[in-house]
Amino acid sequence: MYATASVEADVMNVLRKFADAYASRDKRRLVELFCQDQDVVLLGNGCDERNVGINAVLGQIRRDWEQTDTLRMRFGWRSVSTMGQVAWLATDCYLFVQAGYRRAEIPLRITAVMLQAEDGWKIAQLHYSSPITVESDVDTCLE
């Protein structure tokens, strides 16, 4: 089920376009990257960051923009698979954030599901979370 090199490149290109539009705060370009179905989903790191529908997705992104001055993503390891017109991926990501004088580089894990449309791959679901600790550094997952 691993994607061909061509499909992997196309799918990762969509994710890079998302990162570019997110960084440049380009709402129009972001909308073009998502499926326009009512059940498009963006899950973020916060307990309240479950967004269903394109308007909710854009609301979350708008909130991210309001809370920051700079947002940039870079991607690392990735795995892309496909079956028919559906692709799914997992990738490591580093999010550089600046808000006022504060700066941070936050490690993220991103998973996404994309659907192939007539005009290319579209994001149907996008989920990002931040790993908080290395499991071997603690005795149990409860610490």
Protein backbone atom coordinates (compact mmCIF):
# COMPACT_ATOMS: atom_id res chain seq x y z
CA MET A 1 0.00 0.00 0.00
CA TYR A 2 2.99 2.33 0.01
CA ALA A 3 2.40 5.13 -2.44
CA THR A 4 4.37 5.32 -5.65
CA ALA A 5 7.09 7.95 -5.70
CA SER A 6 4.87 10.14 -7.89
CA VAL A 7 1.85 9.94 -5.56
CA GLU A 8 4.04 10.49 -2.50
CA ALA A 9 5.48 13.62 -4.12
CA ASP A 10 2.00 14.91 -5.02
CA VAL A 11 0.59 14.29 -1.53
CA MET A 12 3.59 15.85 0.23
CA ASN A 13 3.34 18.80 -2.16
CA VAL A 14 -0.19 19.42 -0.87
CA LEU A 15 1.11 19.36 2.70
CA ARG A 16 3.91 21.79 1.76
CA LYS A 17 1.36 24.07 0.10
CA PHE A 18 -0.64 23.93 3.33
CA ALA A 19 2.48 24.90 5.29
CA ASP A 20 3.23 27.78 2.90
CA ALA A 21 -0.34 29.12 2.95
CA TYR A 22 -0.47 28.73 6.74
CA ALA A 23 2.80 30.65 7.13
CA SER A 24 1.75 33.40 4.71
CA ARG A 25 -1.76 33.56 6.21
CA ASP A 26 -3.39 33.02 2.83
CA LYS A 27 -6.96 31.91 3.51
CA ARG A 28 -7.86 31.56 -0.19
CA ARG A 29 -5.00 29.13 -0.86
CA LEU A 30 -5.84 27.14 2.28
CA VAL A 31 -9.48 26.70 1.27
CA GLU A 32 -8.37 25.31 -2.10
CA LEU A 33 -6.36 22.56 -0.38
CA PHE A 34 -9.27 21.11 1.61
CA CYS A 35 -12.23 19.00 0.53
CA GLN A 36 -15.33 21.14 0.58
CA ASP A 37 -17.43 18.44 2.26
CA GLN A 38 -19.24 19.11 5.51
CA ASP A 39 -17.21 16.42 7.26
CA VAL A 40 -13.71 17.78 6.58
CA VAL A 41 -11.82 17.59 9.90
CA LEU A 42 -8.91 19.42 11.52
CA LEU A 43 -7.81 18.15 14.93
CA GLY A 44 -5.31 20.25 16.84
CA ASN A 45 -3.31 19.87 20.00
CA GLY A 46 -5.76 21.54 22.39
CA CYS A 47 -8.76 19.87 24.01
CA ASP A 48 -11.02 22.37 22.25
CA GLU A 49 -9.40 21.98 18.83
CA ARG A 50 -11.83 19.56 17.16
CA ASN A 51 -12.99 21.29 13.99
CA VAL A 52 -15.54 19.75 11.62
CA GLY A 53 -16.51 21.54 8.41
CA ILE A 54 -14.50 24.03 6.39
CA ASN A 55 -15.78 27.03 8.37
CA ALA A 56 -14.65 25.47 11.66
CA VAL A 57 -11.29 24.54 10.10
CA LEU A 58 -10.79 28.13 8.95
CA GLY A 59 -11.88 29.39 12.37
CA GLN A 60 -9.15 27.31 14.03
CA ILE A 61 -6.54 28.55 11.59
CA ARG A 62 -7.68 32.14 12.09
CA ARG A 63 -7.31 31.66 15.85
CA ASP A 64 -3.76 30.33 15.34
CA TRP A 65 -2.94 33.43 13.30
CA GLU A 66 -4.41 35.77 15.92
CA GLN A 67 -2.24 34.22 18.64
CA THR A 68 1.06 34.37 16.75
CA ASP A 69 3.28 36.61 14.66
CA THR A 70 5.14 33.86 12.79
CA LEU A 71 4.33 30.23 12.00
CA ARG A 72 6.60 28.05 9.86
CA MET A 73 6.62 24.28 9.35
CA ARG A 74 9.35 21.92 8.24
CA PHE A 75 8.81 18.24 7.68
CA GLY A 76 11.01 15.26 8.49
CA TRP A 77 10.36 11.52 8.39
CA ARG A 78 7.21 10.53 6.54
CA SER A 79 5.18 7.55 5.45
CA VAL A 80 2.65 7.87 2.61
CA SER A 81 0.26 5.10 1.58
CA THR A 82 -2.54 4.96 -0.93
CA MET A 83 -5.39 2.84 -2.16
CA GLY A 84 -7.40 4.01 -5.13
CA GLN A 85 -8.31 7.66 -4.70
CA VAL A 86 -7.44 7.79 -0.99
CA ALA A 87 -4.01 8.58 0.45
CA TRP A 88 -2.97 8.74 4.08
CA LEU A 89 0.22 9.97 5.60
CA ALA A 90 2.12 10.35 8.83
CA THR A 91 5.01 12.78 9.19
CA ASP A 92 7.21 14.40 11.77
CA CYS A 93 7.05 18.16 11.68
CA TYR A 94 8.70 21.05 13.45
CA LEU A 95 6.59 24.16 13.92
CA PHE A 96 8.50 27.39 14.48
CA VAL A 97 6.28 29.83 16.38
CA GLN A 98 6.91 33.43 17.32
CA ALA A 99 4.52 35.51 19.40
CA GLY A 100 5.94 38.86 20.39
CA TYR A 101 9.39 38.28 21.89
CA ARG A 102 8.70 34.59 22.60
CA ARG A 103 9.91 31.92 20.17
CA ALA A 104 9.67 28.16 20.16
CA GLU A 105 10.19 25.22 17.85
CA ILE A 106 7.51 22.67 18.64
CA PRO A 107 7.87 19.05 17.51
CA LEU A 108 4.64 17.78 15.97
CA ARG A 109 3.31 14.57 14.56
CA ILE A 110 0.90 15.02 11.68
CA THR A 111 -1.47 12.51 10.16
CA ALA A 112 -3.69 13.27 7.21
CA VAL A 113 -6.15 11.66 4.85
CA MET A 114 -6.41 13.04 1.32
CA LEU A 115 -8.83 12.32 -1.49
CA GLN A 116 -7.94 12.57 -5.15
CA ALA A 117 -10.18 15.06 -6.94
CA GLU A 118 -10.20 16.19 -10.57
CA ASP A 119 -7.86 19.07 -9.69
CA GLY A 120 -5.50 17.10 -7.45
CA TRP A 121 -5.28 15.76 -3.91
CA LYS A 122 -7.45 17.45 -1.25
CA ILE A 123 -7.17 17.27 2.53
CA ALA A 124 -10.14 15.45 4.09
CA GLN A 125 -8.68 15.07 7.59
CA LEU A 126 -5.65 16.67 9.20
CA HIS A 127 -4.50 15.94 12.73
CA TYR A 128 -1.48 17.32 14.51
CA SER A 129 -0.28 16.66 18.01
CA SER A 130 2.86 17.28 20.01
CA PRO A 131 4.67 14.35 21.60
CA ILE A 132 5.35 15.41 25.17
CA THR A 133 7.96 12.98 26.46
CA VAL A 134 10.06 10.01 25.51
CA GLU A 135 8.39 6.86 26.86
CA SER A 136 11.71 5.36 28.01
CA ASP A 137 12.22 8.38 30.30
CA VAL A 138 9.24 7.45 32.48
CA ASP A 139 8.00 4.27 34.14
CA THR A 140 4.45 4.41 32.78
CA CYS A 141 2.33 6.42 30.39
CA LEU A 142 0.65 7.98 33.45
CA GLU A 143 3.65 10.09 34.40
